[in-house]
Each structure stands twice: as structure tokens, then as C-alpha cells.
Amino acid sequence: MRPSDIPLIRRARLFSQVSEADLAALLATCFVQTLPRGATPCHQGDKPEFLHIVLSGKVGLFAEGPREEMLIEFFGPGDGFVLPAVMLDMPYLVTARLIDEGRILLWPAAAFRAQVRANGALAYGATLQLSSYWRILMGQIKDLKLLSATERLSAMLLALAPRQSGSATVTLPGGRRLIAGRLGITPQSLSRAFATLRPLGVSGQGRQIAIADLERLRDLAGTKALPRG
């Protein structure tokens, strides 16, 4: 673990209330790995050996079915995955795969559970992290039930954009096939959704998307893009 990793570790919700004095002791059993794009730190169906915390890069959680897999959610710096499986000592429901090269903190699962029981500040941080997962889940369910494909895409773009008026440029957290899976639509439906947004000033190639008027997009989505984390 590098000294430069400590500020990155501090970004994690798990450590938001942990004192400097306790942090070193909590991290004593942890180590950091640099993993390439496509690496799979954990696999659906396996029992968790570690809690993983993203220090840099982007991680996708994928559900594997009999015929295909589907992206469930992206996680970035400061996010722990997959905390519920680690807390319950139960098999992973998803597979984690790095979307970009990244550095990942690995925390032995048994040691983490013991430290949560012993350290109130860490337990509070775990509660914050689990609460953010619940909000993400509820947000996804609401979108799938209430919004069209175009509205779901609009909501994602607004969540990535700064909270301002006027124009903005956002970077999609993954390729367009992954984005389609995250939104619960086909790649063809995603292309049609982007085409629908083009007259509203949404354009771009690959992962870079330009938004000419954020307010028009908010009006279409019918939301002020409340944060889900």
C-alpha cells in the first residue's frame, strides 16, 4: 500500500467517521492491487474472501444468466463492492469486472466483519454504504417501472452532469453496449434514444456526450436528477 493510497481510501464512505488513530489499525490486514481492464475480482456464486474498495478506475457489476450477462451498476473511487455478500458471508449475486484499469483495496472478509463488530465508526460507515446501495436499487426499479428508454437515458446523463444551467459535456462510465445493459434496454433501443435526444442538443461520439441545454433535458426527464448515492 502506497502513502498516496491513503487519501483515496479516505474517500470511501466506510471510513467517513473513522478517526486517524483507528485507520491504520483497520488497514493492517488490507492490501492494494493494480488490476487491468477486464480483471474479475469476484465471481457470481463464490463465497466472499475479501471486501473490495475501488481506489481508482471503474468497476461494473454483472449478473450472469443462462444465455447472457447484464450490467447491473457501475462503481467508482470510494465505493465498496459487494458489501452485502461480505456482511452476510453469503455467495455473490453478481460478478465484478474492471471497466478500466484500476487500483483496488482488498480487505479480508472475516477480518472486516470482526472489525465492524468492534468499531462503531466503521459500523456506521458500513450502514451509510448499504443505505446508498438501497437508494441505487430503488432508483433503478423506479426508472424501469416509470420511465421510457429515452427518459432513462436522460436521467443517466443528468446524473453525470454538473448541477448547473447551460451546457455540459459528460463522459459515459462505459461503452454504449454496457450503458444499454445498465438502462435495461437493447443497444438498438439506446441508439434510438440518442437519436430522439439529438433535436434537444444531445450529441457525441463514443463515451463523450455534449449536452447543449441541461434544463431542456431536465424537462424531458421530468426530474431534477436527485442523487442516488
Protein backbone atom coordinates (compact mmCIF):
# COMPACT_ATOMS: atom_id res chain seq x y z
CA MET A 1 0.00 0.00 0.00
CA ARG A 2 1.42 3.37 -1.04
CA PRO A 3 1.25 6.55 1.08
CA SER A 4 -0.59 8.10 -1.88
CA ASP A 5 -3.35 5.48 -1.44
CA ILE A 6 -4.43 6.90 1.94
CA PRO A 7 -6.26 9.99 0.56
CA LEU A 8 -8.01 7.70 -1.93
CA ILE A 9 -9.01 5.30 0.86
CA ARG A 10 -10.35 8.25 2.84
CA ARG A 11 -12.87 8.89 0.03
CA ALA A 12 -14.70 5.66 0.89
CA ARG A 13 -17.97 6.04 2.83
CA LEU A 14 -16.82 3.20 5.06
CA PHE A 15 -14.13 5.42 6.56
CA SER A 16 -16.08 8.69 6.72
CA GLN A 17 -16.35 8.58 10.54
CA VAL A 18 -13.18 6.59 11.33
CA SER A 19 -10.50 8.51 13.26
CA GLU A 20 -6.94 8.82 12.02
CA ALA A 21 -5.80 6.83 15.04
CA ASP A 22 -8.05 3.89 14.13
CA LEU A 23 -7.47 3.96 10.38
CA ALA A 24 -4.00 2.42 10.43
CA ALA A 25 -5.18 -0.43 12.67
CA LEU A 26 -8.17 -1.13 10.43
CA LEU A 27 -5.96 -1.23 7.34
CA ALA A 28 -3.34 -3.52 8.87
CA THR A 29 -4.79 -6.64 7.22
CA CYS A 30 -5.55 -4.92 3.88
CA PHE A 31 -3.53 -4.69 0.69
CA VAL A 32 -3.91 -2.93 -2.67
CA GLN A 33 -3.74 -4.42 -6.15
CA THR A 34 -3.46 -2.72 -9.52
CA LEU A 35 -5.73 -4.67 -11.86
CA PRO A 36 -6.04 -4.45 -15.65
CA ARG A 37 -9.21 -3.75 -17.59
CA GLY A 38 -11.29 -6.94 -17.74
CA ALA A 39 -9.99 -8.37 -14.44
CA THR A 40 -12.67 -10.04 -12.28
CA PRO A 41 -12.06 -9.52 -8.55
CA CYS A 42 -15.12 -11.59 -7.61
CA HIS A 43 -17.42 -14.07 -9.36
CA GLN A 44 -21.14 -14.72 -9.07
CA GLY A 45 -21.80 -17.74 -6.85
CA ASP A 46 -18.46 -17.63 -4.98
CA LYS A 47 -18.24 -17.04 -1.23
CA PRO A 48 -16.53 -13.70 -0.49
CA GLU A 49 -12.93 -13.83 0.67
CA PHE A 50 -12.46 -10.05 0.58
CA LEU A 51 -14.33 -6.79 0.67
CA HIS A 52 -13.16 -4.76 -2.34
CA ILE A 53 -12.98 -0.95 -2.34
CA VAL A 54 -12.32 0.99 -5.56
CA LEU A 55 -9.45 3.46 -5.22
CA SER A 56 -9.19 4.35 -8.91
CA GLY A 57 -10.79 3.21 -12.14
CA LYS A 58 -14.30 1.90 -12.74
CA VAL A 59 -15.86 -1.46 -11.87
CA GLY A 60 -19.02 -2.96 -13.37
CA LEU A 61 -21.25 -5.47 -11.55
CA PHE A 62 -22.68 -8.07 -13.96
CA ALA A 63 -25.50 -10.58 -13.42
CA GLU A 64 -24.90 -13.81 -15.32
CA GLY A 65 -27.89 -15.63 -16.81
CA PRO A 66 -28.14 -18.89 -18.78
CA ARG A 67 -27.73 -17.12 -22.14
CA GLU A 68 -26.16 -13.74 -21.44
CA GLU A 69 -24.89 -11.37 -18.80
CA MET A 70 -26.21 -7.92 -18.00
CA LEU A 71 -24.57 -4.92 -16.38
CA ILE A 72 -26.33 -4.00 -13.12
CA GLU A 73 -24.35 -0.98 -11.94
CA PHE A 74 -21.07 0.89 -12.17
CA PHE A 75 -18.91 1.66 -9.14
CA GLY A 76 -16.05 4.14 -8.92
CA PRO A 77 -13.48 5.54 -6.46
CA GLY A 78 -14.64 5.32 -2.84
CA ASP A 79 -17.21 2.58 -3.49
CA GLY A 80 -17.06 -0.78 -1.72
CA PHE A 81 -18.33 -3.89 -3.53
CA VAL A 82 -20.07 -6.27 -2.86
CA LEU A 83 -20.64 -5.32 0.78
CA PRO A 84 -23.94 -7.20 1.43
CA ALA A 85 -22.39 -10.56 0.48
CA VAL A 86 -19.38 -9.87 2.71
CA MET A 87 -21.50 -8.80 5.67
CA LEU A 88 -23.78 -11.86 5.37
CA ASP A 89 -20.98 -14.27 4.42
CA MET A 90 -23.13 -15.46 1.52
CA PRO A 91 -22.32 -16.10 -2.17
CA TYR A 92 -22.01 -13.16 -4.54
CA LEU A 93 -25.11 -12.48 -6.64
CA VAL A 94 -23.01 -10.71 -9.30
CA THR A 95 -19.60 -10.78 -10.95
CA ALA A 96 -17.38 -7.69 -10.68
CA ARG A 97 -15.26 -6.73 -13.70
CA LEU A 98 -12.95 -3.76 -14.19
CA ILE A 99 -14.17 -1.43 -16.94
CA ASP A 100 -10.88 0.49 -16.82
CA GLU A 101 -7.55 -0.33 -15.20
CA GLY A 102 -7.80 0.46 -11.51
CA ARG A 103 -6.40 0.08 -8.03
CA ILE A 104 -8.49 -1.98 -5.63
CA LEU A 105 -8.19 -2.28 -1.84
CA LEU A 106 -8.72 -5.87 -0.66
CA TRP A 107 -9.89 -6.35 2.93
CA PRO A 108 -10.10 -9.96 4.21
CA ALA A 109 -13.80 -10.65 4.74
CA ALA A 110 -13.52 -12.32 8.15
CA ALA A 111 -11.31 -9.51 9.46
CA PHE A 112 -13.72 -6.89 8.11
CA ARG A 113 -16.72 -8.47 9.84
CA ALA A 114 -14.82 -8.66 13.13
CA GLN A 115 -13.76 -5.01 12.86
CA VAL A 116 -17.32 -3.89 12.06
CA ARG A 117 -18.49 -5.57 15.27
CA ALA A 118 -15.73 -3.91 17.29
CA ASN A 119 -15.60 -0.40 15.78
CA GLY A 120 -18.71 1.77 15.95
CA ALA A 121 -17.40 4.34 13.44
CA LEU A 122 -16.72 1.61 10.88
CA ALA A 123 -20.16 0.09 11.52
CA TYR A 124 -21.71 3.50 10.86
CA GLY A 125 -19.73 3.77 7.62
CA ALA A 126 -20.98 0.32 6.58
CA THR A 127 -24.54 1.49 7.28
CA LEU A 128 -24.01 4.53 5.05
CA GLN A 129 -22.66 2.33 2.26
CA LEU A 130 -25.53 -0.16 2.50
CA SER A 131 -28.04 2.70 2.55
CA SER A 132 -26.55 4.09 -0.65
CA TYR A 133 -26.94 0.65 -2.26
CA TRP A 134 -30.62 0.65 -1.28
CA ARG A 135 -31.13 4.06 -2.90
CA ILE A 136 -29.42 2.87 -6.10
CA LEU A 137 -31.66 -0.22 -6.18
CA MET A 138 -34.84 1.78 -5.60
CA GLY A 139 -33.80 4.30 -8.24
CA GLN A 140 -33.28 1.55 -10.81
CA ILE A 141 -36.64 -0.07 -10.02
CA LYS A 142 -38.44 3.27 -10.28
CA ASP A 143 -36.79 4.04 -13.62
CA LEU A 144 -37.66 0.63 -15.09
CA LYS A 145 -41.29 0.92 -14.00
CA LEU A 146 -41.93 4.60 -14.68
CA LEU A 147 -39.62 5.90 -17.41
CA SER A 148 -39.26 5.27 -21.12
CA ALA A 149 -35.86 4.34 -22.60
CA THR A 150 -35.29 7.96 -23.64
CA GLU A 151 -36.22 9.24 -20.17
CA ARG A 152 -33.90 6.70 -18.53
CA LEU A 153 -31.03 7.79 -20.75
CA SER A 154 -31.81 11.44 -19.98
CA ALA A 155 -31.77 10.72 -16.24
CA MET A 156 -28.39 8.97 -16.52
CA LEU A 157 -26.87 11.86 -18.48
CA LEU A 158 -28.21 14.34 -15.90
CA ALA A 159 -26.77 12.28 -13.05
CA LEU A 160 -23.36 12.51 -14.73
CA ALA A 161 -23.66 16.24 -15.46
CA PRO A 162 -22.78 19.11 -13.09
CA ARG A 163 -25.65 20.78 -11.24
CA GLN A 164 -25.83 23.92 -13.33
CA SER A 165 -27.71 25.56 -16.14
CA GLY A 166 -26.47 25.89 -19.70
CA SER A 167 -24.35 23.32 -21.49
CA ALA A 168 -22.13 20.49 -20.29
CA THR A 169 -20.03 17.60 -21.54
CA VAL A 170 -20.22 14.27 -19.74
CA THR A 171 -18.27 11.02 -20.04
CA LEU A 172 -20.24 7.79 -20.05
CA PRO A 173 -18.89 5.36 -17.43
CA GLY A 174 -18.58 2.59 -20.03
CA GLY A 175 -19.10 1.71 -23.66
CA ARG A 176 -22.55 2.04 -25.18
CA ARG A 177 -23.32 -1.66 -25.02
CA LEU A 178 -22.67 -1.56 -21.26
CA ILE A 179 -24.78 1.58 -20.91
CA ALA A 180 -27.66 -0.17 -22.69
CA GLY A 181 -27.43 -3.05 -20.22
CA ARG A 182 -27.35 -0.66 -17.26
CA LEU A 183 -30.52 1.02 -18.54
CA GLY A 184 -32.27 -2.32 -19.17
CA ILE A 185 -32.61 -1.78 -22.93
CA THR A 186 -31.07 -3.20 -26.11
CA PRO A 187 -28.20 -1.42 -27.89
CA GLN A 188 -30.64 -0.68 -30.73
CA SER A 189 -33.05 0.99 -28.29
CA LEU A 190 -30.17 3.03 -26.88
CA SER A 191 -29.30 4.27 -30.39
CA ARG A 192 -32.94 5.28 -30.92
CA ALA A 193 -32.97 7.07 -27.56
CA PHE A 194 -29.87 9.07 -28.51
CA ALA A 195 -31.49 9.90 -31.86
CA THR A 196 -34.59 11.16 -30.01
CA LEU A 197 -32.40 13.42 -27.86
CA ARG A 198 -30.46 14.86 -30.79
CA PRO A 199 -33.02 17.63 -31.54
CA LEU A 200 -32.69 18.66 -27.86
CA GLY A 201 -28.98 19.29 -28.33
CA VAL A 202 -27.53 15.97 -27.12
CA SER A 203 -24.69 14.78 -29.34
CA GLY A 204 -21.38 12.98 -29.27
CA GLN A 205 -19.28 10.01 -30.24
CA GLY A 206 -18.21 7.08 -28.09
CA ARG A 207 -18.23 7.92 -24.38
CA GLN A 208 -18.09 11.75 -24.71
CA ILE A 209 -21.56 13.33 -24.80
CA ALA A 210 -22.27 17.05 -25.25
CA ILE A 211 -25.48 18.49 -23.78
CA ALA A 212 -26.40 21.90 -25.21
CA ASP A 213 -29.14 22.73 -22.68
CA LEU A 214 -29.36 20.93 -19.35
CA GLU A 215 -32.70 22.48 -18.45
CA ARG A 216 -34.38 21.12 -21.60
CA LEU A 217 -33.06 17.67 -20.72
CA ARG A 218 -34.36 18.00 -17.15
CA ASP A 219 -37.77 18.95 -18.50
CA LEU A 220 -37.81 15.84 -20.70
CA ALA A 221 -36.75 13.57 -17.84
CA GLY A 222 -39.34 15.18 -15.55
CA THR A 223 -36.79 15.21 -12.75
CA LYS A 224 -34.17 17.36 -11.09
CA ALA A 225 -31.91 14.27 -11.10
CA LEU A 226 -31.77 13.68 -7.39
CA PRO A 227 -28.54 12.00 -6.25
CA ARG A 228 -28.83 8.27 -5.56
CA GLY A 229 -25.73 7.68 -3.54
